[in-house]
Amino acid sequence: MDSRLSMIDVGKVDSARLETLPYEYITVSNFIRDEWKDKLIETYPKLKAAGSFPLTTVTCSREFKQLIDEMNSGAFRRAIASKFSVDLEGKPTMFTVRGKCRSKDGQVHTDSESKIITVLLYMNPSWENQGGRLRVLNSNNIEDIKTEIPPDVGTLLVFKRSDRSYHGHLPFEGPRKVIQMNWVTHQKFVDQEQKRHRFSALFKMFSSY
């Protein structure tokens, strides 16, 4: 796609500083181009319940589908692979979306071993609340902070999964929109996770009525 027409600025991944402690990660502000921010917030999938939803379980607008396609493009894959010195060629991707946060969400974890790279793209207006700001952590202690990231629209966090990739946030309850993308080791993991999330999504949708 012509970069002048794209929603995301992959070049910002190339110029981002790769942090190596406590694990490998990058943060990018304004990864979504300014002219697309309001439209993408407006057309973000309408989710009636908290938790993660696979894209196959939600209604996606034309604009949102374009955003996902650009994130799933070869250009973005190559930029991430180069930045983290990891081979992502042929590796499956998995997308989930969140729209609401519960007070129990955000507990400290490292992500499962089947995940190679985790991408979090935030889709909220300016964020004033102290809760809900993702923390890159030095340990499994929520107060042992390396950096804290407000979930403002267009803010991107990408990290390489490891046994030390602790992250989480202080409790928050309310709207909190985020796209999670993962490159994973095998397609069977995608299939398992999608099946699990679909069942969970159906339960959440029914229980929200």
C-alpha atoms as a PDB file:
ATOM      1  CA  MET A   1       0.000   0.000   0.000  1.00  0.00           C
ATOM      2  CA  ASP A   2       1.097   3.571  -0.760  1.00  0.00           C
ATOM      3  CA  SER A   3       2.453   4.885   2.548  1.00  0.00           C
ATOM      4  CA  ARG A   4       0.581   8.152   1.932  1.00  0.00           C
ATOM      5  CA  LEU A   5      -2.709   6.241   2.157  1.00  0.00           C
ATOM      6  CA  SER A   6      -1.824   3.950   5.057  1.00  0.00           C
ATOM      7  CA  MET A   7      -3.299   4.255   8.525  1.00  0.00           C
ATOM      8  CA  ILE A   8      -0.113   3.271  10.342  1.00  0.00           C
ATOM      9  CA  ASP A   9       3.430   4.622  10.192  1.00  0.00           C
ATOM     10  CA  VAL A  10       5.673   1.554   9.976  1.00  0.00           C
ATOM     11  CA  GLY A  11       8.702   3.817   9.679  1.00  0.00           C
ATOM     12  CA  LYS A  12       8.301   4.699  13.354  1.00  0.00           C
ATOM     13  CA  VAL A  13       9.065   1.063  14.218  1.00  0.00           C
ATOM     14  CA  ASP A  14      12.344   1.341  12.313  1.00  0.00           C
ATOM     15  CA  SER A  15      13.362   4.464  14.225  1.00  0.00           C
ATOM     16  CA  ALA A  16      12.141   3.309  17.660  1.00  0.00           C
ATOM     17  CA  ARG A  17      14.736   2.599  20.334  1.00  0.00           C
ATOM     18  CA  LEU A  18      14.940  -1.089  21.239  1.00  0.00           C
ATOM     19  CA  GLU A  19      15.026  -1.397  25.010  1.00  0.00           C
ATOM     20  CA  THR A  20      16.758  -4.550  26.236  1.00  0.00           C
ATOM     21  CA  LEU A  21      16.118  -4.378  29.983  1.00  0.00           C
ATOM     22  CA  PRO A  22      14.278  -5.942  31.671  1.00  0.00           C
ATOM     23  CA  TYR A  23      13.393  -7.533  28.319  1.00  0.00           C
ATOM     24  CA  GLU A  24      13.271  -6.482  24.680  1.00  0.00           C
ATOM     25  CA  TYR A  25      10.521  -3.993  23.861  1.00  0.00           C
ATOM     26  CA  ILE A  26       9.721  -0.831  21.934  1.00  0.00           C
ATOM     27  CA  THR A  27       7.126   1.878  22.423  1.00  0.00           C
ATOM     28  CA  VAL A  28       5.847   4.104  19.621  1.00  0.00           C
ATOM     29  CA  SER A  29       3.625   7.161  19.909  1.00  0.00           C
ATOM     30  CA  ASN A  30       1.317   8.163  17.054  1.00  0.00           C
ATOM     31  CA  PHE A  31       1.726   4.852  15.251  1.00  0.00           C
ATOM     32  CA  ILE A  32      -1.730   5.569  13.805  1.00  0.00           C
ATOM     33  CA  ARG A  33      -1.658   8.632  11.578  1.00  0.00           C
ATOM     34  CA  ASP A  34      -3.501  11.633  13.018  1.00  0.00           C
ATOM     35  CA  GLU A  35      -6.101  11.817  10.256  1.00  0.00           C
ATOM     36  CA  TRP A  36      -7.310   8.294  11.086  1.00  0.00           C
ATOM     37  CA  LYS A  37      -7.460   8.394  14.884  1.00  0.00           C
ATOM     38  CA  ASP A  38     -10.980   9.745  15.404  1.00  0.00           C
ATOM     39  CA  LYS A  39     -12.461   7.528  12.694  1.00  0.00           C
ATOM     40  CA  LEU A  40     -10.884   4.380  14.115  1.00  0.00           C
ATOM     41  CA  ILE A  41     -12.069   5.183  17.629  1.00  0.00           C
ATOM     42  CA  GLU A  42     -15.564   5.769  16.228  1.00  0.00           C
ATOM     43  CA  THR A  43     -15.633   2.525  14.219  1.00  0.00           C
ATOM     44  CA  TYR A  44     -13.911   0.299  16.791  1.00  0.00           C
ATOM     45  CA  PRO A  45     -15.909  -2.945  17.290  1.00  0.00           C
ATOM     46  CA  LYS A  46     -18.783  -2.541  19.731  1.00  0.00           C
ATOM     47  CA  LEU A  47     -18.163  -4.981  22.583  1.00  0.00           C
ATOM     48  CA  LYS A  48     -20.863  -5.522  25.200  1.00  0.00           C
ATOM     49  CA  ALA A  49     -18.676  -7.341  27.697  1.00  0.00           C
ATOM     50  CA  ALA A  50     -15.167  -7.266  29.127  1.00  0.00           C
ATOM     51  CA  GLY A  51     -12.457  -9.732  28.142  1.00  0.00           C
ATOM     52  CA  SER A  52     -10.737 -10.644  24.876  1.00  0.00           C
ATOM     53  CA  PHE A  53     -12.676 -11.282  21.665  1.00  0.00           C
ATOM     54  CA  PRO A  54     -11.285 -12.866  18.483  1.00  0.00           C
ATOM     55  CA  LEU A  55     -12.010 -10.865  15.346  1.00  0.00           C
ATOM     56  CA  THR A  56     -14.175 -13.743  14.100  1.00  0.00           C
ATOM     57  CA  THR A  57     -16.662 -13.057  16.913  1.00  0.00           C
ATOM     58  CA  VAL A  58     -17.108  -9.296  16.404  1.00  0.00           C
ATOM     59  CA  THR A  59     -18.431  -7.022  13.673  1.00  0.00           C
ATOM     60  CA  CYS A  60     -15.597  -5.080  12.067  1.00  0.00           C
ATOM     61  CA  SER A  61     -16.044  -1.906  10.028  1.00  0.00           C
ATOM     62  CA  ARG A  62     -14.303  -1.395   6.694  1.00  0.00           C
ATOM     63  CA  GLU A  63     -11.864   1.009   8.339  1.00  0.00           C
ATOM     64  CA  PHE A  64     -11.066  -1.387  11.168  1.00  0.00           C
ATOM     65  CA  LYS A  65     -10.477  -4.233   8.718  1.00  0.00           C
ATOM     66  CA  GLN A  66      -8.024  -2.013   6.851  1.00  0.00           C
ATOM     67  CA  LEU A  67      -6.138  -1.337  10.079  1.00  0.00           C
ATOM     68  CA  ILE A  68      -5.897  -5.064  10.807  1.00  0.00           C
ATOM     69  CA  ASP A  69      -4.745  -5.781   7.247  1.00  0.00           C
ATOM     70  CA  GLU A  70      -1.971  -3.198   7.576  1.00  0.00           C
ATOM     71  CA  MET A  71      -0.842  -4.665  10.889  1.00  0.00           C
ATOM     72  CA  ASN A  72      -0.866  -8.105   9.266  1.00  0.00           C
ATOM     73  CA  SER A  73       1.156  -6.900   6.289  1.00  0.00           C
ATOM     74  CA  GLY A  74       4.597  -8.000   5.201  1.00  0.00           C
ATOM     75  CA  ALA A  75       5.936  -4.485   5.775  1.00  0.00           C
ATOM     76  CA  PHE A  76       4.997  -4.498   9.464  1.00  0.00           C
ATOM     77  CA  ARG A  77       6.205  -8.094   9.910  1.00  0.00           C
ATOM     78  CA  ARG A  78       9.575  -7.274   8.365  1.00  0.00           C
ATOM     79  CA  ALA A  79       9.970  -4.146  10.512  1.00  0.00           C
ATOM     80  CA  ILE A  80       9.279  -6.089  13.713  1.00  0.00           C
ATOM     81  CA  ALA A  81      11.470  -9.023  12.660  1.00  0.00           C
ATOM     82  CA  SER A  82      14.353  -6.666  11.937  1.00  0.00           C
ATOM     83  CA  LYS A  83      13.928  -4.671  15.151  1.00  0.00           C
ATOM     84  CA  PHE A  84      13.889  -7.768  17.369  1.00  0.00           C
ATOM     85  CA  SER A  85      16.276  -9.887  15.260  1.00  0.00           C
ATOM     86  CA  VAL A  86      13.755 -12.713  15.056  1.00  0.00           C
ATOM     87  CA  ASP A  87      12.561 -14.761  12.068  1.00  0.00           C
ATOM     88  CA  LEU A  88       8.807 -14.260  11.643  1.00  0.00           C
ATOM     89  CA  GLU A  89       8.570 -15.535   8.087  1.00  0.00           C
ATOM     90  CA  GLY A  90       5.666 -17.989   7.869  1.00  0.00           C
ATOM     91  CA  LYS A  91       4.765 -17.583  11.541  1.00  0.00           C
ATOM     92  CA  PRO A  92       1.003 -17.409  12.188  1.00  0.00           C
ATOM     93  CA  THR A  93      -0.610 -14.304  13.629  1.00  0.00           C
ATOM     94  CA  MET A  94      -3.493 -14.014  16.064  1.00  0.00           C
ATOM     95  CA  PHE A  95      -5.645 -10.959  16.828  1.00  0.00           C
ATOM     96  CA  THR A  96      -7.979 -10.231  19.729  1.00  0.00           C
ATOM     97  CA  VAL A  97      -9.715  -7.028  20.781  1.00  0.00           C
ATOM     98  CA  ARG A  98     -10.790  -5.647  24.133  1.00  0.00           C
ATOM     99  CA  GLY A  99     -13.265  -2.866  24.744  1.00  0.00           C
ATOM    100  CA  LYS A 100     -14.018  -2.961  28.471  1.00  0.00           C
ATOM    101  CA  CYS A 101     -11.848  -3.490  31.495  1.00  0.00           C
ATOM    102  CA  ARG A 102     -12.783  -5.159  34.781  1.00  0.00           C
ATOM    103  CA  SER A 103     -11.185  -4.390  38.124  1.00  0.00           C
ATOM    104  CA  LYS A 104      -9.656  -7.900  38.133  1.00  0.00           C
ATOM    105  CA  ASP A 105      -7.929  -7.400  34.765  1.00  0.00           C
ATOM    106  CA  GLY A 106      -4.306  -6.373  34.370  1.00  0.00           C
ATOM    107  CA  GLN A 107      -2.744  -8.906  36.728  1.00  0.00           C
ATOM    108  CA  VAL A 108       0.992  -9.391  36.260  1.00  0.00           C
ATOM    109  CA  HIS A 109       1.981 -12.107  33.756  1.00  0.00           C
ATOM    110  CA  THR A 110       4.557 -12.884  31.049  1.00  0.00           C
ATOM    111  CA  ASP A 111       2.384 -14.342  28.208  1.00  0.00           C
ATOM    112  CA  SER A 112       2.447 -17.992  27.173  1.00  0.00           C
ATOM    113  CA  GLU A 113       5.511 -19.685  25.673  1.00  0.00           C
ATOM    114  CA  SER A 114       3.712 -20.197  22.347  1.00  0.00           C
ATOM    115  CA  LYS A 115       3.822 -16.449  21.730  1.00  0.00           C
ATOM    116  CA  ILE A 116       6.926 -15.036  20.048  1.00  0.00           C
ATOM    117  CA  ILE A 117       6.056 -11.350  19.797  1.00  0.00           C
ATOM    118  CA  THR A 118       3.202  -9.449  21.446  1.00  0.00           C
ATOM    119  CA  VAL A 119       1.852  -6.234  19.913  1.00  0.00           C
ATOM    120  CA  LEU A 120      -0.522  -3.955  21.835  1.00  0.00           C
ATOM    121  CA  LEU A 121      -2.107  -1.033  19.968  1.00  0.00           C
ATOM    122  CA  TYR A 122      -4.234   1.257  22.122  1.00  0.00           C
ATOM    123  CA  MET A 123      -7.381   2.926  20.817  1.00  0.00           C
ATOM    124  CA  ASN A 124      -8.583   5.304  23.557  1.00  0.00           C
ATOM    125  CA  PRO A 125      -8.912   9.088  23.751  1.00  0.00           C
ATOM    126  CA  SER A 126      -6.407  10.784  26.064  1.00  0.00           C
ATOM    127  CA  TRP A 127      -6.096   8.779  29.271  1.00  0.00           C
ATOM    128  CA  GLU A 128      -6.229  10.528  32.638  1.00  0.00           C
ATOM    129  CA  ASN A 129      -6.854   7.578  34.987  1.00  0.00           C
ATOM    130  CA  GLN A 130      -3.897   6.092  36.865  1.00  0.00           C
ATOM    131  CA  GLY A 131      -5.378   2.612  36.491  1.00  0.00           C
ATOM    132  CA  GLY A 132      -5.204   0.894  33.129  1.00  0.00           C
ATOM    133  CA  ARG A 133      -1.746   2.234  32.236  1.00  0.00           C
ATOM    134  CA  LEU A 134       0.323  -0.759  31.185  1.00  0.00           C
ATOM    135  CA  ARG A 135       3.518  -1.238  33.161  1.00  0.00           C
ATOM    136  CA  VAL A 136       6.646  -2.869  31.792  1.00  0.00           C
ATOM    137  CA  LEU A 137       7.980  -4.506  34.939  1.00  0.00           C
ATOM    138  CA  ASN A 138      11.409  -5.546  36.196  1.00  0.00           C
ATOM    139  CA  SER A 139       9.866  -8.431  38.165  1.00  0.00           C
ATOM    140  CA  ASN A 140       6.481  -9.914  39.007  1.00  0.00           C
ATOM    141  CA  ASN A 141       5.849  -7.017  41.420  1.00  0.00           C
ATOM    142  CA  ILE A 142       3.367  -4.482  39.964  1.00  0.00           C
ATOM    143  CA  GLU A 143       5.285  -1.668  41.684  1.00  0.00           C
ATOM    144  CA  ASP A 144       8.671  -2.680  40.233  1.00  0.00           C
ATOM    145  CA  ILE A 145       8.237  -0.435  37.190  1.00  0.00           C
ATOM    146  CA  LYS A 146      10.587   0.079  34.245  1.00  0.00           C
ATOM    147  CA  THR A 147       8.108   2.252  32.371  1.00  0.00           C
ATOM    148  CA  GLU A 148       4.393   2.993  32.316  1.00  0.00           C
ATOM    149  CA  ILE A 149       2.399   3.421  29.112  1.00  0.00           C
ATOM    150  CA  PRO A 150      -0.899   5.331  28.874  1.00  0.00           C
ATOM    151  CA  PRO A 151      -3.324   3.590  26.505  1.00  0.00           C
ATOM    152  CA  ASP A 152      -3.837   6.646  24.266  1.00  0.00           C
ATOM    153  CA  VAL A 153      -4.970   6.115  20.689  1.00  0.00           C
ATOM    154  CA  GLY A 154      -2.076   5.206  18.416  1.00  0.00           C
ATOM    155  CA  THR A 155       0.299   4.209  21.220  1.00  0.00           C
ATOM    156  CA  LEU A 156       2.071   0.970  20.339  1.00  0.00           C
ATOM    157  CA  LEU A 157       3.915  -1.439  22.628  1.00  0.00           C
ATOM    158  CA  VAL A 158       5.751  -4.409  21.135  1.00  0.00           C
ATOM    159  CA  PHE A 159       7.764  -6.890  23.168  1.00  0.00           C
ATOM    160  CA  LYS A 160       9.546 -10.179  22.708  1.00  0.00           C
ATOM    161  CA  ARG A 161       8.060 -12.786  24.985  1.00  0.00           C
ATOM    162  CA  SER A 162      10.407 -14.305  27.564  1.00  0.00           C
ATOM    163  CA  ASP A 163      10.320 -15.718  31.075  1.00  0.00           C
ATOM    164  CA  ARG A 164      11.075 -12.143  32.235  1.00  0.00           C
ATOM    165  CA  SER A 165       8.497 -10.253  30.154  1.00  0.00           C
ATOM    166  CA  TYR A 166       6.364  -9.262  33.138  1.00  0.00           C
ATOM    167  CA  HIS A 167       3.672  -6.669  32.514  1.00  0.00           C
ATOM    168  CA  GLY A 168       0.358  -5.594  34.003  1.00  0.00           C
ATOM    169  CA  HIS A 169      -1.564  -2.543  35.152  1.00  0.00           C
ATOM    170  CA  LEU A 170      -3.299  -1.130  38.206  1.00  0.00           C
ATOM    171  CA  PRO A 171      -7.032  -1.851  38.480  1.00  0.00           C
ATOM    172  CA  PHE A 172      -9.408   0.028  36.227  1.00  0.00           C
ATOM    173  CA  GLU A 173     -13.061  -0.529  35.441  1.00  0.00           C
ATOM    174  CA  GLY A 174     -14.648   0.941  32.320  1.00  0.00           C
ATOM    175  CA  PRO A 175     -14.003   1.398  28.588  1.00  0.00           C
ATOM    176  CA  ARG A 176     -10.445   0.512  27.590  1.00  0.00           C
ATOM    177  CA  LYS A 177      -9.868  -0.347  23.940  1.00  0.00           C
ATOM    178  CA  VAL A 178      -6.828  -2.300  22.813  1.00  0.00           C
ATOM    179  CA  ILE A 179      -5.892  -4.514  19.881  1.00  0.00           C
ATOM    180  CA  GLN A 180      -3.605  -7.423  20.723  1.00  0.00           C
ATOM    181  CA  MET A 181      -1.645  -9.088  17.946  1.00  0.00           C
ATOM    182  CA  ASN A 182       0.708 -12.016  18.402  1.00  0.00           C
ATOM    183  CA  TRP A 183       3.106 -13.880  16.207  1.00  0.00           C
ATOM    184  CA  VAL A 184       3.033 -17.441  17.505  1.00  0.00           C
ATOM    185  CA  THR A 185       5.050 -20.613  17.071  1.00  0.00           C
ATOM    186  CA  HIS A 186       2.435 -22.880  15.456  1.00  0.00           C
ATOM    187  CA  GLN A 187      -0.986 -22.642  13.818  1.00  0.00           C
ATOM    188  CA  LYS A 188      -2.373 -25.208  16.247  1.00  0.00           C
ATOM    189  CA  PHE A 189      -1.922 -22.658  19.031  1.00  0.00           C
ATOM    190  CA  VAL A 190      -3.951 -20.098  17.062  1.00  0.00           C
ATOM    191  CA  ASP A 191      -6.701 -22.673  16.505  1.00  0.00           C
ATOM    192  CA  GLN A 192      -6.775 -23.620  20.190  1.00  0.00           C
ATOM    193  CA  GLU A 193      -6.829 -20.024  21.375  1.00  0.00           C
ATOM    194  CA  GLN A 194      -9.472 -18.985  18.858  1.00  0.00           C
ATOM    195  CA  LYS A 195     -11.675 -21.887  19.922  1.00  0.00           C
ATOM    196  CA  ARG A 196     -11.211 -21.016  23.598  1.00  0.00           C
ATOM    197  CA  HIS A 197     -11.856 -17.329  23.013  1.00  0.00           C
ATOM    198  CA  ARG A 198     -14.919 -18.021  20.839  1.00  0.00           C
ATOM    199  CA  PHE A 199     -16.494 -20.096  23.599  1.00  0.00           C
ATOM    200  CA  SER A 200     -15.596 -17.465  26.172  1.00  0.00           C
ATOM    201  CA  ALA A 201     -16.911 -14.680  23.928  1.00  0.00           C
ATOM    202  CA  LEU A 202     -20.262 -16.434  23.459  1.00  0.00           C
ATOM    203  CA  PHE A 203     -20.580 -16.917  27.221  1.00  0.00           C
ATOM    204  CA  LYS A 204     -19.740 -13.254  27.864  1.00  0.00           C
ATOM    205  CA  MET A 205     -22.198 -12.006  25.253  1.00  0.00           C
ATOM    206  CA  PHE A 206     -25.059 -14.106  26.596  1.00  0.00           C
ATOM    207  CA  SER A 207     -24.284 -13.216  30.212  1.00  0.00           C
ATOM    208  CA  SER A 208     -24.258  -9.493  29.363  1.00  0.00           C
ATOM    209  CA  TYR A 209     -27.978  -9.448  28.454  1.00  0.00           C
END
